[in-house]
């Protein structure tokens, strides 16, 4: 009986140490990611900031899925995504740097967005197109349960439009996305982007 109690105590202590170590690692990753993200604040920490060319709003990142952020940054670094300033900024990041930035950005996840919807007029047609084309991965209301897929609810309309068009044209190299968007017209893309931007979600501007 004493041995069993001792064994249970050891197992409980081991679990506490494991949880504490995991929490400490997460805190260290968040702190490191926040430092690395300093070079990104000039664009991603200014609400409503727009890129010069092509001109669209720089996306909300705070609250985005960690695995998706990791994949996106690696894509810019390794050539699967093409965007001048993003390629430049991601080019020198190690896998660990990227992981830390992703942990930091995903740490802002919350049940509902702190920013108001970008457009209060929801496109009925856009919702129908979204449900037929995107819902299985990106979730019922643009908030996904898949870690390697981005939340889309409440994201800037023009950013969404540009992203979808980039997958369709091959500027962003992703076979799954290319398949789903290949048959969408410019009007379809506009309506889907309008619908998603009208929703509330977990994304907001990264803190300064």
Protein backbone atom coordinates (compact mmCIF):
# COMPACT_ATOMS: atom_id res chain seq x y z
CA UNK A 1 0.00 0.00 0.00
CA UNK A 2 2.84 2.37 0.92
CA UNK A 3 4.61 1.53 -2.33
CA UNK A 4 1.48 2.25 -4.37
CA UNK A 5 0.99 5.59 -2.63
CA UNK A 6 4.65 6.44 -3.24
CA UNK A 7 4.29 5.52 -6.93
CA UNK A 8 1.17 7.67 -7.30
CA UNK A 9 2.95 10.58 -5.60
CA UNK A 10 5.91 10.27 -7.99
CA UNK A 11 3.58 10.19 -10.99
CA UNK A 12 1.73 13.29 -9.78
CA UNK A 13 4.98 15.15 -9.16
CA UNK A 14 6.23 14.16 -12.63
CA UNK A 15 3.03 15.49 -14.19
CA UNK A 16 3.39 18.78 -12.30
CA UNK A 17 7.00 19.13 -13.44
CA UNK A 18 5.99 18.36 -17.05
CA UNK A 19 3.19 20.94 -17.04
CA UNK A 20 5.44 23.52 -15.40
CA UNK A 21 8.19 22.87 -17.96
CA UNK A 22 5.70 23.16 -20.82
CA UNK A 23 4.34 26.44 -19.46
CA UNK A 24 7.86 27.79 -18.96
CA UNK A 25 8.81 26.82 -22.52
CA UNK A 26 5.67 28.51 -23.88
CA UNK A 27 6.41 31.68 -21.90
CA UNK A 28 9.98 31.73 -23.17
CA UNK A 29 8.80 31.20 -26.75
CA UNK A 30 6.26 34.02 -26.43
CA UNK A 31 8.90 36.36 -25.01
CA UNK A 32 11.41 35.46 -27.73
CA UNK A 33 8.77 35.70 -30.47
CA UNK A 34 7.73 39.13 -29.25
CA UNK A 35 11.33 40.34 -29.53
CA UNK A 36 11.71 38.93 -33.06
CA UNK A 37 8.36 40.47 -34.02
CA UNK A 38 9.75 43.95 -33.30
CA UNK A 39 10.89 44.14 -36.94
CA UNK A 40 7.31 43.39 -38.08
CA UNK A 41 5.54 46.06 -36.02
CA UNK A 42 5.98 48.77 -38.64
CA UNK A 43 3.28 47.04 -40.69
CA UNK A 44 1.46 44.49 -38.55
CA UNK A 45 0.97 46.54 -35.38
CA UNK A 46 -0.72 49.51 -37.05
CA UNK A 47 -4.48 49.05 -37.36
CA UNK A 48 -5.66 49.76 -40.88
CA UNK A 49 -2.15 49.90 -42.37
CA UNK A 50 -1.99 49.28 -46.13
CA UNK A 51 0.86 47.92 -48.22
CA UNK A 52 2.03 50.11 -51.08
CA UNK A 53 2.05 47.59 -53.92
CA UNK A 54 -0.10 45.72 -54.41
CA UNK A 55 -2.30 47.96 -52.27
CA UNK A 56 -4.34 46.12 -49.64
CA UNK A 57 -4.62 46.09 -45.86
CA UNK A 58 -1.87 44.26 -44.02
CA UNK A 59 -3.66 41.32 -42.36
CA UNK A 60 -4.59 40.88 -38.73
CA UNK A 61 -2.24 38.27 -37.24
CA UNK A 62 -2.74 38.37 -33.49
CA UNK A 63 -4.92 35.41 -32.56
CA UNK A 64 -4.11 33.40 -35.69
CA UNK A 65 -3.36 29.66 -35.52
CA UNK A 66 0.22 28.83 -34.57
CA UNK A 67 0.75 26.08 -37.16
CA UNK A 68 -0.63 28.25 -39.94
CA UNK A 69 1.68 31.17 -39.02
CA UNK A 70 4.63 28.76 -39.01
CA UNK A 71 3.71 27.44 -42.46
CA UNK A 72 3.15 30.93 -43.88
CA UNK A 73 6.48 32.30 -42.63
CA UNK A 74 8.35 29.26 -43.94
CA UNK A 75 6.55 29.77 -47.24
CA UNK A 76 7.88 33.33 -47.53
CA UNK A 77 11.34 32.24 -46.44
CA UNK A 78 11.52 29.22 -48.75
CA UNK A 79 9.83 30.68 -51.85
CA UNK A 80 6.33 29.14 -51.76
CA UNK A 81 4.96 32.64 -51.17
CA UNK A 82 6.20 35.73 -52.96
CA UNK A 83 5.97 39.18 -51.41
CA UNK A 84 8.96 41.55 -51.45
CA UNK A 85 9.07 42.76 -47.85
CA UNK A 86 7.84 39.47 -46.39
CA UNK A 87 10.45 37.46 -48.29
CA UNK A 88 13.12 39.88 -47.07
CA UNK A 89 12.00 39.81 -43.43
CA UNK A 90 11.43 36.06 -43.25
CA UNK A 91 14.58 35.19 -45.19
CA UNK A 92 16.90 35.33 -42.18
CA UNK A 93 14.60 33.54 -39.72
CA UNK A 94 15.54 30.12 -38.41
CA UNK A 95 12.92 27.43 -37.82
CA UNK A 96 13.09 28.22 -34.11
CA UNK A 97 12.63 31.96 -34.77
CA UNK A 98 9.57 31.22 -36.87
CA UNK A 99 8.19 28.89 -34.21
CA UNK A 100 8.63 31.55 -31.52
CA UNK A 101 6.93 34.25 -33.59
CA UNK A 102 4.05 31.86 -34.27
CA UNK A 103 3.68 31.06 -30.56
CA UNK A 104 3.65 34.78 -29.74
CA UNK A 105 1.02 35.64 -32.36
CA UNK A 106 -1.22 32.69 -31.48
CA UNK A 107 -1.07 33.64 -27.80
CA UNK A 108 -3.51 36.46 -28.57
CA UNK A 109 -6.29 34.03 -29.48
CA UNK A 110 -9.64 34.92 -27.93
CA UNK A 111 -13.25 33.71 -28.33
CA UNK A 112 -14.35 36.90 -30.06
CA UNK A 113 -12.63 39.70 -31.91
CA UNK A 114 -11.87 42.96 -30.11
CA UNK A 115 -12.15 44.82 -33.39
CA UNK A 116 -15.50 45.52 -35.09
CA UNK A 117 -16.34 43.78 -38.38
CA UNK A 118 -14.78 45.52 -41.37
CA UNK A 119 -18.05 45.55 -43.27
CA UNK A 120 -21.48 45.19 -41.70
CA UNK A 121 -23.12 44.20 -44.98
CA UNK A 122 -22.87 40.42 -45.27
CA UNK A 123 -23.03 39.07 -48.79
CA UNK A 124 -25.70 36.35 -48.99
CA UNK A 125 -24.17 35.04 -52.18
CA UNK A 126 -20.72 35.17 -50.57
CA UNK A 127 -21.97 33.05 -47.67
CA UNK A 128 -23.39 30.46 -50.05
CA UNK A 129 -20.13 30.34 -52.01
CA UNK A 130 -18.09 30.13 -48.82
CA UNK A 131 -20.18 27.26 -47.47
CA UNK A 132 -19.85 25.37 -50.75
CA UNK A 133 -16.12 26.00 -51.22
CA UNK A 134 -14.34 26.82 -47.96
CA UNK A 135 -16.38 25.70 -44.95
CA UNK A 136 -14.91 22.19 -44.61
CA UNK A 137 -11.48 23.61 -43.72
CA UNK A 138 -12.08 27.18 -42.55
CA UNK A 139 -15.06 26.52 -40.27
CA UNK A 140 -18.75 27.36 -40.06
CA UNK A 141 -18.23 31.08 -39.45
CA UNK A 142 -14.67 31.53 -40.66
CA UNK A 143 -13.22 30.29 -37.35
CA UNK A 144 -11.46 26.99 -37.97
CA UNK A 145 -10.69 24.05 -35.71
CA UNK A 146 -7.79 23.01 -37.95
CA UNK A 147 -4.44 24.29 -36.67
CA UNK A 148 -2.80 24.36 -40.10
CA UNK A 149 -5.62 26.49 -41.53
CA UNK A 150 -6.11 30.21 -40.86
CA UNK A 151 -9.06 31.87 -39.20
CA UNK A 152 -10.73 34.13 -41.78
CA UNK A 153 -13.57 35.79 -39.88
CA UNK A 154 -13.20 39.55 -39.57
CA UNK A 155 -10.09 39.68 -41.75
CA UNK A 156 -9.71 42.67 -44.10
CA UNK A 157 -11.77 42.23 -47.28
CA UNK A 158 -9.09 43.44 -49.67
CA UNK A 159 -6.46 41.21 -48.04
CA UNK A 160 -8.73 38.17 -48.39
CA UNK A 161 -9.42 39.05 -52.03
CA UNK A 162 -5.71 39.36 -52.78
CA UNK A 163 -4.89 36.10 -50.96
CA UNK A 164 -7.54 34.10 -52.84
CA UNK A 165 -6.44 35.58 -56.16
CA UNK A 166 -2.82 34.73 -55.31
CA UNK A 167 -3.72 31.08 -54.74
CA UNK A 168 -5.68 31.03 -57.99
CA UNK A 169 -2.83 32.56 -60.02
CA UNK A 170 -0.09 30.49 -58.38
CA UNK A 171 1.67 33.41 -56.67
CA UNK A 172 0.96 31.45 -53.51
CA UNK A 173 1.91 27.84 -54.07
CA UNK A 174 -0.61 25.55 -52.38
CA UNK A 175 -2.14 22.67 -54.32
CA UNK A 176 -5.19 22.27 -52.07
CA UNK A 177 -6.11 25.96 -52.18
CA UNK A 178 -5.44 26.13 -55.91
CA UNK A 179 -7.93 23.31 -56.48
CA UNK A 180 -10.68 24.91 -54.42
CA UNK A 181 -10.37 28.41 -55.87
CA UNK A 182 -9.62 27.49 -59.49
CA UNK A 183 -13.27 27.81 -60.57
CA UNK A 184 -14.02 31.04 -58.69
CA UNK A 185 -14.66 34.16 -60.76
CA UNK A 186 -13.53 37.63 -59.68
CA UNK A 187 -17.12 38.29 -58.56
CA UNK A 188 -17.14 35.07 -56.52
CA UNK A 189 -13.91 36.07 -54.81
CA UNK A 190 -15.23 39.56 -54.08
CA UNK A 191 -18.44 38.18 -52.54
CA UNK A 192 -16.65 35.60 -50.38
CA UNK A 193 -14.22 38.26 -49.15
CA UNK A 194 -17.10 40.61 -48.34
CA UNK A 195 -18.93 37.92 -46.40
CA UNK A 196 -15.89 36.88 -44.33
CA UNK A 197 -14.89 40.46 -43.53
CA UNK A 198 -18.38 41.08 -42.13
CA UNK A 199 -17.98 38.38 -39.44
CA UNK A 200 -16.56 38.66 -35.95
CA UNK A 201 -13.62 36.40 -35.11
CA UNK A 202 -10.52 35.98 -32.94
CA UNK A 203 -8.16 38.16 -35.00
CA UNK A 204 -6.93 41.62 -34.11
CA UNK A 205 -3.96 43.94 -34.65
CA UNK A 206 -0.74 42.73 -33.03
CA UNK A 207 0.26 44.80 -29.96
CA UNK A 208 2.91 47.46 -30.30
